[in-house]
């Protein structure tokens, strides 16, 4: 899920929430955030949902899925 790692990293860098604060809101360690943004691991569906809610983005956008009408 290389697209997810890059997209999450970009969103974090552009946002006003630190990795440490994001980790706290999601209920993971800052190291886990680093693992996600370096494509070493993937979040669970539940964690993905929380990330989407925090950043107001769709899972499709984070995962790099095409948009269909």
PDB file of N, CA and C in Angstrom:
ATOM      1  N   UNK A   1       0.837  -1.194   0.000  1.00  0.00           N
ATOM      2  CA  UNK A   1       0.000   0.000   0.000  1.00  0.00           C
ATOM      3  C   UNK A   1       0.876   1.250   0.000  1.00  0.00           C
ATOM      4  N   UNK A   2       1.763   1.282  -0.948  1.00  0.00           N
ATOM      5  CA  UNK A   2       2.691   2.402  -1.055  1.00  0.00           C
ATOM      6  C   UNK A   2       1.968   3.742  -1.159  1.00  0.00           C
ATOM      7  N   UNK A   3       0.861   3.763  -1.915  1.00  0.00           N
ATOM      8  CA  UNK A   3       0.108   5.017  -2.058  1.00  0.00           C
ATOM      9  C   UNK A   3      -0.384   5.498  -0.703  1.00  0.00           C
ATOM     10  N   UNK A   4      -0.880   4.588   0.113  1.00  0.00           N
ATOM     11  CA  UNK A   4      -1.372   4.957   1.443  1.00  0.00           C
ATOM     12  C   UNK A   4      -0.257   5.594   2.265  1.00  0.00           C
ATOM     13  N   UNK A   5       0.909   4.985   2.281  1.00  0.00           N
ATOM     14  CA  UNK A   5       2.025   5.507   3.077  1.00  0.00           C
ATOM     15  C   UNK A   5       2.384   6.922   2.652  1.00  0.00           C
ATOM     16  N   UNK A   6       2.508   7.144   1.352  1.00  0.00           N
ATOM     17  CA  UNK A   6       2.858   8.480   0.851  1.00  0.00           C
ATOM     18  C   UNK A   6       1.758   9.481   1.147  1.00  0.00           C
ATOM     19  N   UNK A   7       0.528   9.079   0.892  1.00  0.00           N
ATOM     20  CA  UNK A   7      -0.602  10.002   1.096  1.00  0.00           C
ATOM     21  C   UNK A   7      -0.732  10.361   2.572  1.00  0.00           C
ATOM     22  N   UNK A   8      -0.628   9.390   3.459  1.00  0.00           N
ATOM     23  CA  UNK A   8      -0.725   9.679   4.893  1.00  0.00           C
ATOM     24  C   UNK A   8       0.411  10.590   5.322  1.00  0.00           C
ATOM     25  N   UNK A   9       1.601  10.332   4.855  1.00  0.00           N
ATOM     26  CA  UNK A   9       2.742  11.172   5.191  1.00  0.00           C
ATOM     27  C   UNK A   9       2.500  12.615   4.727  1.00  0.00           C
ATOM     28  N   UNK A  10       2.010  12.777   3.509  1.00  0.00           N
ATOM     29  CA  UNK A  10       1.717  14.115   2.980  1.00  0.00           C
ATOM     30  C   UNK A  10       0.657  14.829   3.817  1.00  0.00           C
ATOM     31  N   UNK A  11      -0.396  14.103   4.177  1.00  0.00           N
ATOM     32  CA  UNK A  11      -1.473  14.700   4.970  1.00  0.00           C
ATOM     33  C   UNK A  11      -0.963  15.132   6.338  1.00  0.00           C
ATOM     34  N   UNK A  12      -0.153  14.302   6.956  1.00  0.00           N
ATOM     35  CA  UNK A  12       0.391  14.639   8.273  1.00  0.00           C
ATOM     36  C   UNK A  12       1.278  15.873   8.167  1.00  0.00           C
ATOM     37  N   UNK A  13       2.149  15.912   7.168  1.00  0.00           N
ATOM     38  CA  UNK A  13       3.063  17.039   7.013  1.00  0.00           C
ATOM     39  C   UNK A  13       2.330  18.338   6.703  1.00  0.00           C
ATOM     40  N   UNK A  14       1.225  18.257   5.968  1.00  0.00           N
ATOM     41  CA  UNK A  14       0.459  19.450   5.615  1.00  0.00           C
ATOM     42  C   UNK A  14      -0.495  19.897   6.719  1.00  0.00           C
ATOM     43  N   UNK A  15      -0.767  19.023   7.664  1.00  0.00           N
ATOM     44  CA  UNK A  15      -1.734  19.321   8.712  1.00  0.00           C
ATOM     45  C   UNK A  15      -1.120  19.985   9.926  1.00  0.00           C
ATOM     46  N   UNK A  16      -1.963  20.211  10.904  1.00  0.00           N
ATOM     47  CA  UNK A  16      -1.502  20.862  12.130  1.00  0.00           C
ATOM     48  C   UNK A  16      -1.489  19.909  13.322  1.00  0.00           C
ATOM     49  N   UNK A  17      -1.591  18.616  13.041  1.00  0.00           N
ATOM     50  CA  UNK A  17      -1.559  17.606  14.103  1.00  0.00           C
ATOM     51  C   UNK A  17      -0.209  16.900  14.030  1.00  0.00           C
ATOM     52  N   UNK A  18       0.517  16.873  15.126  1.00  0.00           N
ATOM     53  CA  UNK A  18       1.810  16.187  15.133  1.00  0.00           C
ATOM     54  C   UNK A  18       1.584  14.674  15.073  1.00  0.00           C
ATOM     55  N   UNK A  19       2.618  13.963  14.700  1.00  0.00           N
ATOM     56  CA  UNK A  19       2.541  12.497  14.674  1.00  0.00           C
ATOM     57  C   UNK A  19       2.220  11.956  16.071  1.00  0.00           C
ATOM     58  N   UNK A  20       2.822  12.578  17.071  1.00  0.00           N
ATOM     59  CA  UNK A  20       2.584  12.151  18.448  1.00  0.00           C
ATOM     60  C   UNK A  20       1.117  12.348  18.833  1.00  0.00           C
ATOM     61  N   UNK A  21       0.557  13.503  18.486  1.00  0.00           N
ATOM     62  CA  UNK A  21      -0.851  13.761  18.791  1.00  0.00           C
ATOM     63  C   UNK A  21      -1.773  12.855  17.986  1.00  0.00           C
ATOM     64  N   UNK A  22      -1.425  12.615  16.728  1.00  0.00           N
ATOM     65  CA  UNK A  22      -2.220  11.702  15.900  1.00  0.00           C
ATOM     66  C   UNK A  22      -2.226  10.315  16.509  1.00  0.00           C
ATOM     67  N   UNK A  23      -1.060   9.853  16.914  1.00  0.00           N
ATOM     68  CA  UNK A  23      -0.956   8.531  17.529  1.00  0.00           C
ATOM     69  C   UNK A  23      -1.845   8.442  18.762  1.00  0.00           C
ATOM     70  N   UNK A  24      -1.827   9.485  19.575  1.00  0.00           N
ATOM     71  CA  UNK A  24      -2.634   9.510  20.793  1.00  0.00           C
ATOM     72  C   UNK A  24      -4.128   9.448  20.455  1.00  0.00           C
ATOM     73  N   UNK A  25      -4.556  10.213  19.440  1.00  0.00           N
ATOM     74  CA  UNK A  25      -5.973  10.230  19.039  1.00  0.00           C
ATOM     75  C   UNK A  25      -6.422   8.877  18.491  1.00  0.00           C
ATOM     76  N   UNK A  26      -5.520   8.198  17.789  1.00  0.00           N
ATOM     77  CA  UNK A  26      -5.866   6.918  17.177  1.00  0.00           C
ATOM     78  C   UNK A  26      -5.729   5.758  18.166  1.00  0.00           C
ATOM     79  N   UNK A  27      -4.877   5.946  19.160  1.00  0.00           N
ATOM     80  CA  UNK A  27      -4.677   4.875  20.136  1.00  0.00           C
ATOM     81  C   UNK A  27      -3.543   3.938  19.757  1.00  0.00           C
ATOM     82  N   UNK A  28      -2.511   4.505  19.111  1.00  0.00           N
ATOM     83  CA  UNK A  28      -1.330   3.730  18.753  1.00  0.00           C
ATOM     84  C   UNK A  28      -0.099   4.498  19.207  1.00  0.00           C
ATOM     85  N   UNK A  29       1.064   3.896  19.031  1.00  0.00           N
ATOM     86  CA  UNK A  29       2.310   4.575  19.384  1.00  0.00           C
ATOM     87  C   UNK A  29       2.773   5.439  18.204  1.00  0.00           C
ATOM     88  N   UNK A  30       3.581   6.467  18.483  1.00  0.00           N
ATOM     89  CA  UNK A  30       4.145   7.245  17.376  1.00  0.00           C
ATOM     90  C   UNK A  30       4.956   6.364  16.418  1.00  0.00           C
ATOM     91  N   UNK A  31       5.585   5.336  16.944  1.00  0.00           N
ATOM     92  CA  UNK A  31       6.336   4.401  16.096  1.00  0.00           C
ATOM     93  C   UNK A  31       5.411   3.728  15.080  1.00  0.00           C
ATOM     94  N   UNK A  32       4.178   3.436  15.498  1.00  0.00           N
ATOM     95  CA  UNK A  32       3.234   2.811  14.570  1.00  0.00           C
ATOM     96  C   UNK A  32       2.899   3.764  13.430  1.00  0.00           C
ATOM     97  N   UNK A  33       2.753   5.036  13.720  1.00  0.00           N
ATOM     98  CA  UNK A  33       2.504   6.030  12.672  1.00  0.00           C
ATOM     99  C   UNK A  33       3.682   6.015  11.690  1.00  0.00           C
ATOM    100  N   UNK A  34       4.893   5.981  12.211  1.00  0.00           N
ATOM    101  CA  UNK A  34       6.087   5.927  11.368  1.00  0.00           C
ATOM    102  C   UNK A  34       6.085   4.673  10.503  1.00  0.00           C
ATOM    103  N   UNK A  35       5.687   3.559  11.055  1.00  0.00           N
ATOM    104  CA  UNK A  35       5.630   2.316  10.281  1.00  0.00           C
ATOM    105  C   UNK A  35       4.620   2.432   9.140  1.00  0.00           C
ATOM    106  N   UNK A  36       3.496   3.102   9.399  1.00  0.00           N
ATOM    107  CA  UNK A  36       2.488   3.290   8.346  1.00  0.00           C
ATOM    108  C   UNK A  36       3.002   4.215   7.255  1.00  0.00           C
ATOM    109  N   UNK A  37       3.666   5.301   7.643  1.00  0.00           N
ATOM    110  CA  UNK A  37       4.113   6.276   6.649  1.00  0.00           C
ATOM    111  C   UNK A  37       5.363   5.828   5.901  1.00  0.00           C
ATOM    112  N   UNK A  38       6.014   4.795   6.372  1.00  0.00           N
ATOM    113  CA  UNK A  38       7.175   4.257   5.648  1.00  0.00           C
ATOM    114  C   UNK A  38       6.843   2.937   4.956  1.00  0.00           C
ATOM    115  N   UNK A  39       5.558   2.605   4.905  1.00  0.00           N
ATOM    116  CA  UNK A  39       5.055   1.418   4.205  1.00  0.00           C
ATOM    117  C   UNK A  39       5.587   0.113   4.792  1.00  0.00           C
ATOM    118  N   UNK A  40       5.838   0.118   6.105  1.00  0.00           N
ATOM    119  CA  UNK A  40       6.265  -1.094   6.801  1.00  0.00           C
ATOM    120  C   UNK A  40       5.074  -1.865   7.368  1.00  0.00           C
ATOM    121  N   UNK A  41       3.947  -1.177   7.521  1.00  0.00           N
ATOM    122  CA  UNK A  41       2.749  -1.801   8.098  1.00  0.00           C
ATOM    123  C   UNK A  41       1.520  -1.066   7.582  1.00  0.00           C
ATOM    124  N   UNK A  42       0.364  -1.649   7.827  1.00  0.00           N
ATOM    125  CA  UNK A  42      -0.905  -1.056   7.413  1.00  0.00           C
ATOM    126  C   UNK A  42      -1.837  -0.981   8.616  1.00  0.00           C
ATOM    127  N   UNK A  43      -2.655   0.059   8.675  1.00  0.00           N
ATOM    128  CA  UNK A  43      -3.588   0.159   9.796  1.00  0.00           C
ATOM    129  C   UNK A  43      -4.762  -0.802   9.625  1.00  0.00           C
ATOM    130  N   UNK A  44      -5.410  -1.089  10.722  1.00  0.00           N
ATOM    131  CA  UNK A  44      -6.648  -1.861  10.648  1.00  0.00           C
ATOM    132  C   UNK A  44      -7.727  -0.976  10.030  1.00  0.00           C
ATOM    133  N   UNK A  45      -8.808  -1.582   9.635  1.00  0.00           N
ATOM    134  CA  UNK A  45      -9.938  -0.828   9.089  1.00  0.00           C
ATOM    135  C   UNK A  45     -10.424   0.196  10.116  1.00  0.00           C
ATOM    136  N   UNK A  46     -10.468  -0.193  11.375  1.00  0.00           N
ATOM    137  CA  UNK A  46     -10.943   0.719  12.426  1.00  0.00           C
ATOM    138  C   UNK A  46     -10.025   1.934  12.543  1.00  0.00           C
ATOM    139  N   UNK A  47      -8.717   1.712  12.483  1.00  0.00           N
ATOM    140  CA  UNK A  47      -7.762   2.818  12.570  1.00  0.00           C
ATOM    141  C   UNK A  47      -7.837   3.685  11.317  1.00  0.00           C
ATOM    142  N   UNK A  48      -8.001   3.060  10.155  1.00  0.00           N
ATOM    143  CA  UNK A  48      -8.143   3.797   8.908  1.00  0.00           C
ATOM    144  C   UNK A  48      -9.348   4.728   8.979  1.00  0.00           C
ATOM    145  N   UNK A  49     -10.440   4.232   9.513  1.00  0.00           N
ATOM    146  CA  UNK A  49     -11.655   5.040   9.645  1.00  0.00           C
ATOM    147  C   UNK A  49     -11.397   6.267  10.515  1.00  0.00           C
ATOM    148  N   UNK A  50     -10.687   6.091  11.610  1.00  0.00           N
ATOM    149  CA  UNK A  50     -10.392   7.209  12.509  1.00  0.00           C
ATOM    150  C   UNK A  50      -9.500   8.234  11.803  1.00  0.00           C
ATOM    151  N   UNK A  51      -8.506   7.755  11.058  1.00  0.00           N
ATOM    152  CA  UNK A  51      -7.637   8.662  10.305  1.00  0.00           C
ATOM    153  C   UNK A  51      -8.473   9.490   9.331  1.00  0.00           C
ATOM    154  N   UNK A  52      -9.376   8.844   8.633  1.00  0.00           N
ATOM    155  CA  UNK A  52     -10.249   9.542   7.675  1.00  0.00           C
ATOM    156  C   UNK A  52     -11.095  10.600   8.376  1.00  0.00           C
ATOM    157  N   UNK A  53     -11.616  10.268   9.531  1.00  0.00           N
ATOM    158  CA  UNK A  53     -12.432  11.215  10.283  1.00  0.00           C
ATOM    159  C   UNK A  53     -11.603  12.406  10.772  1.00  0.00           C
ATOM    160  N   UNK A  54     -10.407  12.153  11.241  1.00  0.00           N
ATOM    161  CA  UNK A  54      -9.545  13.223  11.761  1.00  0.00           C
ATOM    162  C   UNK A  54      -9.173  14.204  10.650  1.00  0.00           C
ATOM    163  N   UNK A  55      -8.810  13.670   9.485  1.00  0.00           N
ATOM    164  CA  UNK A  55      -8.334  14.516   8.392  1.00  0.00           C
ATOM    165  C   UNK A  55      -9.406  14.865   7.362  1.00  0.00           C
ATOM    166  N   UNK A  56     -10.617  14.378   7.563  1.00  0.00           N
ATOM    167  CA  UNK A  56     -11.732  14.660   6.653  1.00  0.00           C
ATOM    168  C   UNK A  56     -11.392  14.281   5.213  1.00  0.00           C
ATOM    169  N   UNK A  57     -10.883  13.067   5.058  1.00  0.00           N
ATOM    170  CA  UNK A  57     -10.584  12.514   3.741  1.00  0.00           C
ATOM    171  C   UNK A  57     -11.276  11.161   3.610  1.00  0.00           C
ATOM    172  N   UNK A  58     -11.462  10.731   2.386  1.00  0.00           N
ATOM    173  CA  UNK A  58     -12.080   9.421   2.172  1.00  0.00           C
ATOM    174  C   UNK A  58     -11.021   8.328   2.210  1.00  0.00           C
ATOM    175  N   UNK A  59     -11.452   7.137   2.540  1.00  0.00           N
ATOM    176  CA  UNK A  59     -10.555   5.985   2.510  1.00  0.00           C
ATOM    177  C   UNK A  59     -10.086   5.745   1.079  1.00  0.00           C
ATOM    178  N   UNK A  60     -10.958   5.982   0.100  1.00  0.00           N
ATOM    179  CA  UNK A  60     -10.566   5.826  -1.306  1.00  0.00           C
ATOM    180  C   UNK A  60      -9.374   6.718  -1.633  1.00  0.00           C
ATOM    181  N   UNK A  61      -9.422   7.951  -1.158  1.00  0.00           N
ATOM    182  CA  UNK A  61      -8.326   8.884  -1.407  1.00  0.00           C
ATOM    183  C   UNK A  61      -7.039   8.398  -0.744  1.00  0.00           C
ATOM    184  N   UNK A  62      -7.125   7.986   0.495  1.00  0.00           N
ATOM    185  CA  UNK A  62      -5.936   7.506   1.204  1.00  0.00           C
ATOM    186  C   UNK A  62      -5.362   6.242   0.572  1.00  0.00           C
ATOM    187  N   UNK A  63      -6.217   5.389   0.075  1.00  0.00           N
ATOM    188  CA  UNK A  63      -5.774   4.112  -0.481  1.00  0.00           C
ATOM    189  C   UNK A  63      -5.423   4.186  -1.961  1.00  0.00           C
ATOM    190  N   UNK A  64      -5.711   5.330  -2.586  1.00  0.00           N
ATOM    191  CA  UNK A  64      -5.393   5.492  -4.004  1.00  0.00           C
ATOM    192  C   UNK A  64      -6.344   4.774  -4.920  1.00  0.00           C
ATOM    193  N   UNK A  65      -7.577   4.605  -4.483  1.00  0.00           N
ATOM    194  CA  UNK A  65      -8.576   3.930  -5.318  1.00  0.00           C
ATOM    195  C   UNK A  65      -9.184   4.923  -6.305  1.00  0.00           C
ATOM    196  N   UNK A  66      -9.526   4.475  -7.489  1.00  0.00           N
ATOM    197  CA  UNK A  66     -10.104   5.383  -8.491  1.00  0.00           C
ATOM    198  C   UNK A  66     -11.502   5.831  -8.080  1.00  0.00           C
ATOM    199  N   UNK A  67     -11.869   6.989  -8.580  1.00  0.00           N
ATOM    200  CA  UNK A  67     -13.190   7.538  -8.324  1.00  0.00           C
ATOM    201  C   UNK A  67     -14.139   7.089  -9.433  1.00  0.00           C
ATOM    202  N   UNK A  68     -15.255   6.525  -9.043  1.00  0.00           N
ATOM    203  CA  UNK A  68     -16.275   6.108 -10.011  1.00  0.00           C
ATOM    204  C   UNK A  68     -17.552   6.865  -9.750  1.00  0.00           C
ATOM    205  N   UNK A  69     -18.250   7.223 -10.826  1.00  0.00           N
ATOM    206  CA  UNK A  69     -19.547   7.878 -10.687  1.00  0.00           C
ATOM    207  C   UNK A  69     -20.634   6.851 -10.697  1.00  0.00           C
TER     208      UNK A  69
END
